[in-house]
């Protein structure tokens, strides 16, 4: 997820298909009650420039996604899981954080969530 998409998501802007789906997401699980063991989760794999990732505005937006909307054992009402960017080597030299994690790690995160929901039912 780019810095632009993350900013729009955190602020409720729905100006494309993805953001419209997110804006209409069943955040309470009421629509799917009785059909699923738990509500549907949005996995947001961040991918942005390292400077954008370190920006104070990004920190504010991540607070919304992680602290207010984020799922955790202490916040079972959450409906977003943020998959943080990783550190990678830059073409100009050095390492910096901001690159999206490997797709296989994203799949594992989703599989772990699904396996956990199956175990709970």
PDB file of N, CA and C in Angstrom:
ATOM      1  N   UNK A   1       0.841  -1.160   0.000  1.00  0.00           N
ATOM      2  CA  UNK A   1       0.000   0.000   0.000  1.00  0.00           C
ATOM      3  C   UNK A   1       0.892   1.229   0.000  1.00  0.00           C
ATOM      4  N   UNK A   2       0.633   2.113  -0.915  1.00  0.00           N
ATOM      5  CA  UNK A   2       1.426   3.338  -1.025  1.00  0.00           C
ATOM      6  C   UNK A   2       1.063   4.321   0.086  1.00  0.00           C
ATOM      7  N   UNK A   3       1.911   5.318   0.278  1.00  0.00           N
ATOM      8  CA  UNK A   3       1.626   6.372   1.250  1.00  0.00           C
ATOM      9  C   UNK A   3       0.332   7.090   0.877  1.00  0.00           C
ATOM     10  N   UNK A   4       0.107   7.292  -0.410  1.00  0.00           N
ATOM     11  CA  UNK A   4      -1.102   7.967  -0.878  1.00  0.00           C
ATOM     12  C   UNK A   4      -2.355   7.165  -0.523  1.00  0.00           C
ATOM     13  N   UNK A   5      -2.345   5.877  -0.814  1.00  0.00           N
ATOM     14  CA  UNK A   5      -3.508   5.037  -0.520  1.00  0.00           C
ATOM     15  C   UNK A   5      -3.728   4.928   0.983  1.00  0.00           C
ATOM     16  N   UNK A   6      -2.653   4.790   1.749  1.00  0.00           N
ATOM     17  CA  UNK A   6      -2.782   4.714   3.196  1.00  0.00           C
ATOM     18  C   UNK A   6      -3.396   5.995   3.755  1.00  0.00           C
ATOM     19  N   UNK A   7      -2.950   7.144   3.255  1.00  0.00           N
ATOM     20  CA  UNK A   7      -3.491   8.428   3.711  1.00  0.00           C
ATOM     21  C   UNK A   7      -4.981   8.528   3.409  1.00  0.00           C
ATOM     22  N   UNK A   8      -5.358   8.126   2.214  1.00  0.00           N
ATOM     23  CA  UNK A   8      -6.774   8.179   1.843  1.00  0.00           C
ATOM     24  C   UNK A   8      -7.594   7.214   2.691  1.00  0.00           C
ATOM     25  N   UNK A   9      -7.080   6.020   2.920  1.00  0.00           N
ATOM     26  CA  UNK A   9      -7.796   5.043   3.743  1.00  0.00           C
ATOM     27  C   UNK A   9      -8.006   5.585   5.153  1.00  0.00           C
ATOM     28  N   UNK A  10      -6.952   6.131   5.759  1.00  0.00           N
ATOM     29  CA  UNK A  10      -7.027   6.644   7.129  1.00  0.00           C
ATOM     30  C   UNK A  10      -7.989   7.818   7.252  1.00  0.00           C
ATOM     31  N   UNK A  11      -8.215   8.518   6.153  1.00  0.00           N
ATOM     32  CA  UNK A  11      -9.096   9.689   6.173  1.00  0.00           C
ATOM     33  C   UNK A  11     -10.459   9.436   5.540  1.00  0.00           C
ATOM     34  N   UNK A  12     -10.742   8.192   5.180  1.00  0.00           N
ATOM     35  CA  UNK A  12     -12.060   7.849   4.656  1.00  0.00           C
ATOM     36  C   UNK A  12     -12.338   8.313   3.243  1.00  0.00           C
ATOM     37  N   UNK A  13     -11.307   8.589   2.477  1.00  0.00           N
ATOM     38  CA  UNK A  13     -11.488   9.030   1.089  1.00  0.00           C
ATOM     39  C   UNK A  13     -11.666   7.799   0.209  1.00  0.00           C
ATOM     40  N   UNK A  14     -12.674   7.839  -0.641  1.00  0.00           N
ATOM     41  CA  UNK A  14     -12.998   6.690  -1.498  1.00  0.00           C
ATOM     42  C   UNK A  14     -13.107   7.151  -2.944  1.00  0.00           C
ATOM     43  N   UNK A  15     -11.963   7.406  -3.567  1.00  0.00           N
ATOM     44  CA  UNK A  15     -11.980   7.940  -4.937  1.00  0.00           C
ATOM     45  C   UNK A  15     -11.523   6.932  -5.990  1.00  0.00           C
ATOM     46  N   UNK A  16     -11.448   5.659  -5.618  1.00  0.00           N
ATOM     47  CA  UNK A  16     -11.176   4.600  -6.587  1.00  0.00           C
ATOM     48  C   UNK A  16     -11.818   3.309  -6.072  1.00  0.00           C
ATOM     49  N   UNK A  17     -11.745   2.260  -6.854  1.00  0.00           N
ATOM     50  CA  UNK A  17     -12.435   1.021  -6.489  1.00  0.00           C
ATOM     51  C   UNK A  17     -11.935   0.442  -5.166  1.00  0.00           C
ATOM     52  N   UNK A  18     -10.619   0.340  -5.007  1.00  0.00           N
ATOM     53  CA  UNK A  18     -10.066  -0.220  -3.774  1.00  0.00           C
ATOM     54  C   UNK A  18     -10.551   0.548  -2.550  1.00  0.00           C
ATOM     55  N   UNK A  19     -10.424   1.865  -2.589  1.00  0.00           N
ATOM     56  CA  UNK A  19     -10.815   2.676  -1.441  1.00  0.00           C
ATOM     57  C   UNK A  19     -12.319   2.675  -1.222  1.00  0.00           C
ATOM     58  N   UNK A  20     -13.085   2.523  -2.290  1.00  0.00           N
ATOM     59  CA  UNK A  20     -14.544   2.411  -2.146  1.00  0.00           C
ATOM     60  C   UNK A  20     -14.916   1.112  -1.436  1.00  0.00           C
ATOM     61  N   UNK A  21     -14.214   0.026  -1.769  1.00  0.00           N
ATOM     62  CA  UNK A  21     -14.455  -1.252  -1.085  1.00  0.00           C
ATOM     63  C   UNK A  21     -14.081  -1.127   0.392  1.00  0.00           C
ATOM     64  N   UNK A  22     -12.941  -0.515   0.673  1.00  0.00           N
ATOM     65  CA  UNK A  22     -12.515  -0.331   2.062  1.00  0.00           C
ATOM     66  C   UNK A  22     -13.516   0.539   2.817  1.00  0.00           C
ATOM     67  N   UNK A  23     -13.999   1.592   2.177  1.00  0.00           N
ATOM     68  CA  UNK A  23     -14.952   2.514   2.818  1.00  0.00           C
ATOM     69  C   UNK A  23     -16.274   1.823   3.123  1.00  0.00           C
ATOM     70  N   UNK A  24     -16.643   0.836   2.316  1.00  0.00           N
ATOM     71  CA  UNK A  24     -17.900   0.113   2.514  1.00  0.00           C
ATOM     72  C   UNK A  24     -17.703  -1.179   3.313  1.00  0.00           C
ATOM     73  N   UNK A  25     -16.499  -1.415   3.834  1.00  0.00           N
ATOM     74  CA  UNK A  25     -16.166  -2.644   4.547  1.00  0.00           C
ATOM     75  C   UNK A  25     -17.050  -2.820   5.775  1.00  0.00           C
ATOM     76  N   UNK A  26     -17.445  -4.043   6.036  1.00  0.00           N
ATOM     77  CA  UNK A  26     -18.248  -4.367   7.217  1.00  0.00           C
ATOM     78  C   UNK A  26     -17.320  -4.423   8.430  1.00  0.00           C
ATOM     79  N   UNK A  27     -17.061  -3.276   9.032  1.00  0.00           N
ATOM     80  CA  UNK A  27     -16.094  -3.183  10.127  1.00  0.00           C
ATOM     81  C   UNK A  27     -16.594  -3.802  11.425  1.00  0.00           C
ATOM     82  N   UNK A  28     -17.882  -4.035  11.525  1.00  0.00           N
ATOM     83  CA  UNK A  28     -18.447  -4.603  12.752  1.00  0.00           C
ATOM     84  C   UNK A  28     -18.681  -6.102  12.656  1.00  0.00           C
ATOM     85  N   UNK A  29     -18.699  -6.640  11.446  1.00  0.00           N
ATOM     86  CA  UNK A  29     -18.970  -8.055  11.250  1.00  0.00           C
ATOM     87  C   UNK A  29     -20.448  -8.388  11.242  1.00  0.00           C
ATOM     88  N   UNK A  30     -21.312  -7.383  11.315  1.00  0.00           N
ATOM     89  CA  UNK A  30     -22.758  -7.604  11.381  1.00  0.00           C
ATOM     90  C   UNK A  30     -23.294  -8.263  10.114  1.00  0.00           C
ATOM     91  N   UNK A  31     -22.816  -7.841   8.957  1.00  0.00           N
ATOM     92  CA  UNK A  31     -23.325  -8.375   7.688  1.00  0.00           C
ATOM     93  C   UNK A  31     -23.046  -9.864   7.567  1.00  0.00           C
ATOM     94  N   UNK A  32     -21.866 -10.293   7.999  1.00  0.00           N
ATOM     95  CA  UNK A  32     -21.465 -11.695   7.851  1.00  0.00           C
ATOM     96  C   UNK A  32     -21.754 -12.552   9.079  1.00  0.00           C
ATOM     97  N   UNK A  33     -22.383 -11.992  10.097  1.00  0.00           N
ATOM     98  CA  UNK A  33     -22.676 -12.767  11.313  1.00  0.00           C
ATOM     99  C   UNK A  33     -23.396 -14.062  10.948  1.00  0.00           C
ATOM    100  N   UNK A  34     -22.954 -15.138  11.516  1.00  0.00           N
ATOM    101  CA  UNK A  34     -23.576 -16.424  11.258  1.00  0.00           C
ATOM    102  C   UNK A  34     -22.966 -17.178  10.089  1.00  0.00           C
ATOM    103  N   UNK A  35     -22.224 -16.477   9.234  1.00  0.00           N
ATOM    104  CA  UNK A  35     -21.614 -17.125   8.076  1.00  0.00           C
ATOM    105  C   UNK A  35     -20.131 -17.404   8.290  1.00  0.00           C
ATOM    106  N   UNK A  36     -19.491 -16.608   9.121  1.00  0.00           N
ATOM    107  CA  UNK A  36     -18.049 -16.729   9.335  1.00  0.00           C
ATOM    108  C   UNK A  36     -17.761 -16.763  10.832  1.00  0.00           C
ATOM    109  N   UNK A  37     -16.666 -17.426  11.223  1.00  0.00           N
ATOM    110  CA  UNK A  37     -16.319 -17.477  12.641  1.00  0.00           C
ATOM    111  C   UNK A  37     -15.839 -16.128  13.186  1.00  0.00           C
ATOM    112  N   UNK A  38     -15.355 -15.258  12.314  1.00  0.00           N
ATOM    113  CA  UNK A  38     -14.943 -13.912  12.728  1.00  0.00           C
ATOM    114  C   UNK A  38     -15.051 -12.986  11.532  1.00  0.00           C
ATOM    115  N   UNK A  39     -14.984 -11.700  11.810  1.00  0.00           N
ATOM    116  CA  UNK A  39     -15.176 -10.754  10.714  1.00  0.00           C
ATOM    117  C   UNK A  39     -13.986 -10.726   9.765  1.00  0.00           C
ATOM    118  N   UNK A  40     -14.243 -10.241   8.577  1.00  0.00           N
ATOM    119  CA  UNK A  40     -13.204 -10.173   7.542  1.00  0.00           C
ATOM    120  C   UNK A  40     -12.158  -9.126   7.905  1.00  0.00           C
ATOM    121  N   UNK A  41     -10.935  -9.399   7.513  1.00  0.00           N
ATOM    122  CA  UNK A  41      -9.792  -8.553   7.840  1.00  0.00           C
ATOM    123  C   UNK A  41      -9.203  -7.949   6.573  1.00  0.00           C
ATOM    124  N   UNK A  42      -8.763  -6.710   6.674  1.00  0.00           N
ATOM    125  CA  UNK A  42      -7.999  -6.077   5.597  1.00  0.00           C
ATOM    126  C   UNK A  42      -6.528  -6.157   5.987  1.00  0.00           C
ATOM    127  N   UNK A  43      -5.711  -6.691   5.093  1.00  0.00           N
ATOM    128  CA  UNK A  43      -4.266  -6.730   5.296  1.00  0.00           C
ATOM    129  C   UNK A  43      -3.652  -5.637   4.436  1.00  0.00           C
ATOM    130  N   UNK A  44      -2.972  -4.701   5.058  1.00  0.00           N
ATOM    131  CA  UNK A  44      -2.359  -3.582   4.352  1.00  0.00           C
ATOM    132  C   UNK A  44      -0.845  -3.746   4.396  1.00  0.00           C
ATOM    133  N   UNK A  45      -0.262  -4.165   3.276  1.00  0.00           N
ATOM    134  CA  UNK A  45       1.191  -4.330   3.175  1.00  0.00           C
ATOM    135  C   UNK A  45       1.776  -3.014   2.670  1.00  0.00           C
ATOM    136  N   UNK A  46       2.468  -2.315   3.541  1.00  0.00           N
ATOM    137  CA  UNK A  46       2.972  -0.985   3.212  1.00  0.00           C
ATOM    138  C   UNK A  46       4.164  -1.043   2.268  1.00  0.00           C
ATOM    139  N   UNK A  47       4.203  -0.092   1.349  1.00  0.00           N
ATOM    140  CA  UNK A  47       5.298   0.033   0.383  1.00  0.00           C
ATOM    141  C   UNK A  47       5.406   1.493  -0.008  1.00  0.00           C
ATOM    142  N   UNK A  48       6.456   2.143   0.468  1.00  0.00           N
ATOM    143  CA  UNK A  48       6.621   3.562   0.160  1.00  0.00           C
ATOM    144  C   UNK A  48       8.080   3.963   0.295  1.00  0.00           C
ATOM    145  N   UNK A  49       8.381   5.123  -0.184  1.00  0.00           N
ATOM    146  CA  UNK A  49       9.705   5.704  -0.054  1.00  0.00           C
ATOM    147  C   UNK A  49      10.062   5.798   1.430  1.00  0.00           C
ATOM    148  N   UNK A  50      11.330   5.580   1.750  1.00  0.00           N
ATOM    149  CA  UNK A  50      11.766   5.595   3.148  1.00  0.00           C
ATOM    150  C   UNK A  50      11.468   6.926   3.829  1.00  0.00           C
ATOM    151  N   UNK A  51      11.632   8.030   3.114  1.00  0.00           N
ATOM    152  CA  UNK A  51      11.325   9.345   3.696  1.00  0.00           C
ATOM    153  C   UNK A  51       9.832   9.470   3.978  1.00  0.00           C
ATOM    154  N   UNK A  52       9.009   8.962   3.076  1.00  0.00           N
ATOM    155  CA  UNK A  52       7.559   8.990   3.291  1.00  0.00           C
ATOM    156  C   UNK A  52       7.200   8.128   4.499  1.00  0.00           C
ATOM    157  N   UNK A  53       7.854   6.990   4.658  1.00  0.00           N
ATOM    158  CA  UNK A  53       7.556   6.103   5.785  1.00  0.00           C
ATOM    159  C   UNK A  53       7.921   6.759   7.116  1.00  0.00           C
ATOM    160  N   UNK A  54       8.994   7.514   7.156  1.00  0.00           N
ATOM    161  CA  UNK A  54       9.431   8.168   8.396  1.00  0.00           C
ATOM    162  C   UNK A  54       8.714   9.491   8.664  1.00  0.00           C
ATOM    163  N   UNK A  55       7.912   9.959   7.742  1.00  0.00           N
ATOM    164  CA  UNK A  55       7.265  11.268   7.856  1.00  0.00           C
ATOM    165  C   UNK A  55       6.288  11.305   9.038  1.00  0.00           C
ATOM    166  N   UNK A  56       6.201  12.440   9.744  1.00  0.00           N
ATOM    167  CA  UNK A  56       5.277  12.551  10.876  1.00  0.00           C
ATOM    168  C   UNK A  56       3.809  12.311  10.500  1.00  0.00           C
ATOM    169  N   UNK A  57       3.413  12.686   9.300  1.00  0.00           N
ATOM    170  CA  UNK A  57       2.030  12.453   8.873  1.00  0.00           C
ATOM    171  C   UNK A  57       1.769  10.952   8.758  1.00  0.00           C
ATOM    172  N   UNK A  58       2.747  10.207   8.259  1.00  0.00           N
ATOM    173  CA  UNK A  58       2.605   8.752   8.162  1.00  0.00           C
ATOM    174  C   UNK A  58       2.413   8.152   9.546  1.00  0.00           C
ATOM    175  N   UNK A  59       3.154   8.646  10.520  1.00  0.00           N
ATOM    176  CA  UNK A  59       3.012   8.145  11.890  1.00  0.00           C
ATOM    177  C   UNK A  59       1.595   8.376  12.413  1.00  0.00           C
ATOM    178  N   UNK A  60       1.008   9.545  12.116  1.00  0.00           N
ATOM    179  CA  UNK A  60      -0.369   9.826  12.536  1.00  0.00           C
ATOM    180  C   UNK A  60      -1.352   8.876  11.860  1.00  0.00           C
ATOM    181  N   UNK A  61      -1.148   8.646  10.570  1.00  0.00           N
ATOM    182  CA  UNK A  61      -2.050   7.763   9.831  1.00  0.00           C
ATOM    183  C   UNK A  61      -1.906   6.318  10.297  1.00  0.00           C
ATOM    184  N   UNK A  62      -0.691   5.898  10.604  1.00  0.00           N
ATOM    185  CA  UNK A  62      -0.482   4.546  11.126  1.00  0.00           C
ATOM    186  C   UNK A  62      -1.129   4.370  12.498  1.00  0.00           C
ATOM    187  N   UNK A  63      -1.179   5.450  13.283  1.00  0.00           N
ATOM    188  CA  UNK A  63      -1.876   5.386  14.566  1.00  0.00           C
ATOM    189  C   UNK A  63      -3.346   5.041  14.365  1.00  0.00           C
ATOM    190  N   UNK A  64      -3.968   5.632  13.343  1.00  0.00           N
ATOM    191  CA  UNK A  64      -5.367   5.318  13.041  1.00  0.00           C
ATOM    192  C   UNK A  64      -5.480   3.857  12.628  1.00  0.00           C
ATOM    193  N   UNK A  65      -4.652   3.446  11.669  1.00  0.00           N
ATOM    194  CA  UNK A  65      -4.750   2.081  11.145  1.00  0.00           C
ATOM    195  C   UNK A  65      -4.406   1.029  12.196  1.00  0.00           C
ATOM    196  N   UNK A  66      -3.383   1.276  12.989  1.00  0.00           N
ATOM    197  CA  UNK A  66      -2.926   0.272  13.957  1.00  0.00           C
ATOM    198  C   UNK A  66      -3.643   0.379  15.303  1.00  0.00           C
ATOM    199  N   UNK A  67      -3.696   1.579  15.863  1.00  0.00           N
ATOM    200  CA  UNK A  67      -4.217   1.730  17.222  1.00  0.00           C
ATOM    201  C   UNK A  67      -5.740   1.777  17.283  1.00  0.00           C
ATOM    202  N   UNK A  68      -6.366   2.428  16.306  1.00  0.00           N
ATOM    203  CA  UNK A  68      -7.826   2.553  16.341  1.00  0.00           C
ATOM    204  C   UNK A  68      -8.527   1.421  15.594  1.00  0.00           C
ATOM    205  N   UNK A  69      -8.008   1.047  14.432  1.00  0.00           N
ATOM    206  CA  UNK A  69      -8.665   0.045  13.596  1.00  0.00           C
ATOM    207  C   UNK A  69      -7.957  -1.296  13.613  1.00  0.00           C
ATOM    208  N   UNK A  70      -6.763  -1.340  14.157  1.00  0.00           N
ATOM    209  CA  UNK A  70      -5.935  -2.538  14.080  1.00  0.00           C
ATOM    210  C   UNK A  70      -6.413  -3.668  14.961  1.00  0.00           C
ATOM    211  N   UNK A  71      -6.350  -4.881  14.413  1.00  0.00           N
ATOM    212  CA  UNK A  71      -6.716  -6.063  15.174  1.00  0.00           C
ATOM    213  C   UNK A  71      -5.533  -6.499  16.016  1.00  0.00           C
ATOM    214  N   UNK A  72      -5.821  -6.893  17.238  1.00  0.00           N
ATOM    215  CA  UNK A  72      -4.816  -7.490  18.116  1.00  0.00           C
ATOM    216  C   UNK A  72      -5.567  -8.282  19.182  1.00  0.00           C
ATOM    217  N   UNK A  73      -4.848  -9.035  19.973  1.00  0.00           N
ATOM    218  CA  UNK A  73      -5.490  -9.776  21.065  1.00  0.00           C
ATOM    219  C   UNK A  73      -6.194  -8.814  22.010  1.00  0.00           C
ATOM    220  N   UNK A  74      -5.607  -7.627  22.207  1.00  0.00           N
ATOM    221  CA  UNK A  74      -6.215  -6.644  23.105  1.00  0.00           C
ATOM    222  C   UNK A  74      -7.304  -5.818  22.420  1.00  0.00           C
ATOM    223  N   UNK A  75      -7.386  -5.880  21.088  1.00  0.00           N
ATOM    224  CA  UNK A  75      -8.429  -5.171  20.345  1.00  0.00           C
ATOM    225  C   UNK A  75      -9.079  -6.121  19.337  1.00  0.00           C
ATOM    226  N   UNK A  76      -9.881  -7.061  19.812  1.00  0.00           N
ATOM    227  CA  UNK A  76     -10.505  -8.024  18.900  1.00  0.00           C
ATOM    228  C   UNK A  76     -11.541  -7.395  17.971  1.00  0.00           C
ATOM    229  N   UNK A  77     -11.905  -6.133  18.227  1.00  0.00           N
ATOM    230  CA  UNK A  77     -12.852  -5.433  17.356  1.00  0.00           C
ATOM    231  C   UNK A  77     -12.168  -4.857  16.117  1.00  0.00           C
ATOM    232  N   UNK A  78     -10.841  -4.898  16.078  1.00  0.00           N
ATOM    233  CA  UNK A  78     -10.107  -4.353  14.939  1.00  0.00           C
ATOM    234  C   UNK A  78     -10.403  -5.105  13.648  1.00  0.00           C
ATOM    235  N   UNK A  79     -10.176  -4.437  12.532  1.00  0.00           N
ATOM    236  CA  UNK A  79     -10.475  -5.034  11.222  1.00  0.00           C
ATOM    237  C   UNK A  79      -9.364  -4.785  10.205  1.00  0.00           C
ATOM    238  N   UNK A  80      -8.228  -4.247  10.668  1.00  0.00           N
ATOM    239  CA  UNK A  80      -7.080  -3.969   9.797  1.00  0.00           C
ATOM    240  C   UNK A  80      -5.836  -4.594  10.414  1.00  0.00           C
ATOM    241  N   UNK A  81      -5.035  -5.234   9.587  1.00  0.00           N
ATOM    242  CA  UNK A  81      -3.715  -5.695   9.995  1.00  0.00           C
ATOM    243  C   UNK A  81      -2.701  -5.023   9.085  1.00  0.00           C
ATOM    244  N   UNK A  82      -1.837  -4.211   9.673  1.00  0.00           N
ATOM    245  CA  UNK A  82      -0.796  -3.523   8.904  1.00  0.00           C
ATOM    246  C   UNK A  82       0.441  -4.408   8.876  1.00  0.00           C
ATOM    247  N   UNK A  83       0.887  -4.711   7.673  1.00  0.00           N
ATOM    248  CA  UNK A  83       2.122  -5.470   7.485  1.00  0.00           C
ATOM    249  C   UNK A  83       3.207  -4.448   7.169  1.00  0.00           C
ATOM    250  N   UNK A  84       4.107  -4.206   8.112  1.00  0.00           N
ATOM    251  CA  UNK A  84       5.071  -3.117   7.961  1.00  0.00           C
ATOM    252  C   UNK A  84       6.068  -3.366   6.834  1.00  0.00           C
ATOM    253  N   UNK A  85       6.638  -2.280   6.330  1.00  0.00           N
ATOM    254  CA  UNK A  85       7.653  -2.437   5.289  1.00  0.00           C
ATOM    255  C   UNK A  85       8.934  -3.016   5.879  1.00  0.00           C
ATOM    256  N   UNK A  86       9.788  -3.469   4.993  1.00  0.00           N
ATOM    257  CA  UNK A  86      11.051  -4.070   5.418  1.00  0.00           C
ATOM    258  C   UNK A  86      12.216  -3.187   4.998  1.00  0.00           C
ATOM    259  N   UNK A  87      13.372  -3.506   5.529  1.00  0.00           N
ATOM    260  CA  UNK A  87      14.597  -2.807   5.154  1.00  0.00           C
ATOM    261  C   UNK A  87      15.193  -3.498   3.937  1.00  0.00           C
ATOM    262  N   UNK A  88      15.574  -2.710   2.954  1.00  0.00           N
ATOM    263  CA  UNK A  88      16.178  -3.240   1.727  1.00  0.00           C
ATOM    264  C   UNK A  88      17.331  -2.351   1.305  1.00  0.00           C
ATOM    265  N   UNK A  89      18.221  -2.934   0.520  1.00  0.00           N
ATOM    266  CA  UNK A  89      19.322  -2.160  -0.044  1.00  0.00           C
ATOM    267  C   UNK A  89      18.801  -1.238  -1.130  1.00  0.00           C
ATOM    268  N   UNK A  90      19.297  -0.004  -1.126  1.00  0.00           N
ATOM    269  CA  UNK A  90      18.910   0.960  -2.151  1.00  0.00           C
ATOM    270  C   UNK A  90      19.911   0.922  -3.293  1.00  0.00           C
ATOM    271  N   UNK A  91      19.455   1.301  -4.459  1.00  0.00           N
ATOM    272  CA  UNK A  91      20.333   1.349  -5.631  1.00  0.00           C
ATOM    273  C   UNK A  91      21.469   2.339  -5.406  1.00  0.00           C
ATOM    274  N   UNK A  92      21.192   3.394  -4.644  1.00  0.00           N
ATOM    275  CA  UNK A  92      22.210   4.415  -4.396  1.00  0.00           C
ATOM    276  C   UNK A  92      23.154   4.023  -3.262  1.00  0.00           C
ATOM    277  N   UNK A  93      22.938   2.851  -2.682  1.00  0.00           N
ATOM    278  CA  UNK A  93      23.792   2.377  -1.598  1.00  0.00           C
ATOM    279  C   UNK A  93      23.117   2.530  -0.248  1.00  0.00           C
ATOM    280  N   UNK A  94      23.481   1.679   0.671  1.00  0.00           N
ATOM    281  CA  UNK A  94      22.891   1.721   2.008  1.00  0.00           C
ATOM    282  C   UNK A  94      21.561   0.990   2.076  1.00  0.00           C
ATOM    283  N   UNK A  95      21.089   0.831   3.287  1.00  0.00           N
ATOM    284  CA  UNK A  95      19.806   0.169   3.520  1.00  0.00           C
ATOM    285  C   UNK A  95      18.815   1.181   4.074  1.00  0.00           C
ATOM    286  N   UNK A  96      17.546   0.971   3.777  1.00  0.00           N
ATOM    287  CA  UNK A  96      16.514   1.841   4.309  1.00  0.00           C
ATOM    288  C   UNK A  96      15.195   1.092   4.366  1.00  0.00           C
ATOM    289  N   UNK A  97      14.326   1.515   5.260  1.00  0.00           N
ATOM    290  CA  UNK A  97      13.030   0.872   5.442  1.00  0.00           C
ATOM    291  C   UNK A  97      11.977   1.566   4.594  1.00  0.00           C
ATOM    292  N   UNK A  98      11.100   0.785   4.009  1.00  0.00           N
ATOM    293  CA  UNK A  98      10.003   1.337   3.224  1.00  0.00           C
ATOM    294  C   UNK A  98       9.468   0.365   2.196  1.00  0.00           C
ATOM    295  N   UNK A  99      10.257  -0.639   1.846  1.00  0.00           N
ATOM    296  CA  UNK A  99       9.847  -1.584   0.801  1.00  0.00           C
ATOM    297  C   UNK A  99       8.840  -2.603   1.330  1.00  0.00           C
ATOM    298  N   UNK A 100       7.886  -2.967   0.481  1.00  0.00           N
ATOM    299  CA  UNK A 100       6.888  -3.962   0.856  1.00  0.00           C
ATOM    300  C   UNK A 100       7.571  -5.300   1.128  1.00  0.00           C
ATOM    301  N   UNK A 101       7.080  -6.003   2.132  1.00  0.00           N
ATOM    302  CA  UNK A 101       7.642  -7.316   2.448  1.00  0.00           C
ATOM    303  C   UNK A 101       7.415  -8.276   1.286  1.00  0.00           C
ATOM    304  N   UNK A 102       8.168  -9.336   1.272  1.00  0.00           N
ATOM    305  CA  UNK A 102       8.059 -10.338   0.220  1.00  0.00           C
ATOM    306  C   UNK A 102       6.636 -10.899   0.179  1.00  0.00           C
ATOM    307  N   UNK A 103       6.145 -11.160  -1.019  1.00  0.00           N
ATOM    308  CA  UNK A 103       4.763 -11.631  -1.172  1.00  0.00           C
ATOM    309  C   UNK A 103       4.515 -12.931  -0.420  1.00  0.00           C
ATOM    310  N   UNK A 104       5.548 -13.765  -0.289  1.00  0.00           N
ATOM    311  CA  UNK A 104       5.384 -15.032   0.436  1.00  0.00           C
ATOM    312  C   UNK A 104       5.110 -14.782   1.925  1.00  0.00           C
ATOM    313  N   UNK A 105       5.728 -13.737   2.470  1.00  0.00           N
ATOM    314  CA  UNK A 105       5.482 -13.389   3.871  1.00  0.00           C
ATOM    315  C   UNK A 105       4.062 -12.847   4.061  1.00  0.00           C
ATOM    316  N   UNK A 106       3.554 -12.154   3.051  1.00  0.00           N
ATOM    317  CA  UNK A 106       2.170 -11.667   3.097  1.00  0.00           C
ATOM    318  C   UNK A 106       1.212 -12.854   3.104  1.00  0.00           C
ATOM    319  N   UNK A 107       1.475 -13.820   2.234  1.00  0.00           N
ATOM    320  CA  UNK A 107       0.632 -15.024   2.177  1.00  0.00           C
ATOM    321  C   UNK A 107       0.659 -15.754   3.520  1.00  0.00           C
ATOM    322  N   UNK A 108       1.823 -15.868   4.133  1.00  0.00           N
ATOM    323  CA  UNK A 108       1.942 -16.540   5.432  1.00  0.00           C
ATOM    324  C   UNK A 108       1.127 -15.802   6.496  1.00  0.00           C
ATOM    325  N   UNK A 109       1.184 -14.476   6.502  1.00  0.00           N
ATOM    326  CA  UNK A 109       0.407 -13.691   7.475  1.00  0.00           C
ATOM    327  C   UNK A 109      -1.085 -13.953   7.319  1.00  0.00           C
ATOM    328  N   UNK A 110      -1.546 -14.013   6.080  1.00  0.00           N
ATOM    329  CA  UNK A 110      -2.967 -14.276   5.822  1.00  0.00           C
ATOM    330  C   UNK A 110      -3.320 -15.709   6.223  1.00  0.00           C
ATOM    331  N   UNK A 111      -2.455 -16.667   5.870  1.00  0.00           N
ATOM    332  CA  UNK A 111      -2.706 -18.064   6.248  1.00  0.00           C
ATOM    333  C   UNK A 111      -2.776 -18.221   7.767  1.00  0.00           C
ATOM    334  N   UNK A 112      -1.896 -17.539   8.482  1.00  0.00           N
ATOM    335  CA  UNK A 112      -1.908 -17.611   9.945  1.00  0.00           C
ATOM    336  C   UNK A 112      -3.206 -17.049  10.508  1.00  0.00           C
ATOM    337  N   UNK A 113      -3.694 -15.961   9.921  1.00  0.00           N
ATOM    338  CA  UNK A 113      -4.962 -15.377  10.374  1.00  0.00           C
ATOM    339  C   UNK A 113      -6.114 -16.344  10.126  1.00  0.00           C
ATOM    340  N   UNK A 114      -6.156 -16.909   8.924  1.00  0.00           N
ATOM    341  CA  UNK A 114      -7.232 -17.844   8.578  1.00  0.00           C
ATOM    342  C   UNK A 114      -7.156 -19.088   9.466  1.00  0.00           C
ATOM    343  N   UNK A 115      -5.960 -19.611   9.677  1.00  0.00           N
ATOM    344  CA  UNK A 115      -5.798 -20.793  10.533  1.00  0.00           C
ATOM    345  C   UNK A 115      -6.257 -20.494  11.956  1.00  0.00           C
ATOM    346  N   UNK A 116      -5.963 -19.303  12.444  1.00  0.00           N
ATOM    347  CA  UNK A 116      -6.406 -18.902  13.781  1.00  0.00           C
ATOM    348  C   UNK A 116      -7.910 -18.806  13.878  1.00  0.00           C
ATOM    349  N   UNK A 117      -8.553 -18.322  12.810  1.00  0.00           N
ATOM    350  CA  UNK A 117     -10.014 -18.198  12.835  1.00  0.00           C
ATOM    351  C   UNK A 117     -10.668 -19.567  12.755  1.00  0.00           C
ATOM    352  N   UNK A 118     -10.034 -20.506  12.065  1.00  0.00           N
ATOM    353  CA  UNK A 118     -10.577 -21.861  11.973  1.00  0.00           C
ATOM    354  C   UNK A 118     -10.457 -22.549  13.331  1.00  0.00           C
ATOM    355  N   UNK A 119      -9.334 -22.336  14.022  1.00  0.00           N
ATOM    356  CA  UNK A 119      -9.123 -22.954  15.330  1.00  0.00           C
ATOM    357  C   UNK A 119     -10.110 -22.420  16.364  1.00  0.00           C
ATOM    358  N   UNK A 120     -10.514 -21.141  16.238  1.00  0.00           N
ATOM    359  CA  UNK A 120     -11.427 -20.529  17.203  1.00  0.00           C
ATOM    360  C   UNK A 120     -12.855 -21.017  17.038  1.00  0.00           C
ATOM    361  N   UNK A 121     -13.211 -21.491  15.835  1.00  0.00           N
ATOM    362  CA  UNK A 121     -14.611 -21.884  15.608  1.00  0.00           C
ATOM    363  C   UNK A 121     -14.898 -23.290  16.089  1.00  0.00           C
TER     364      UNK A 121
END
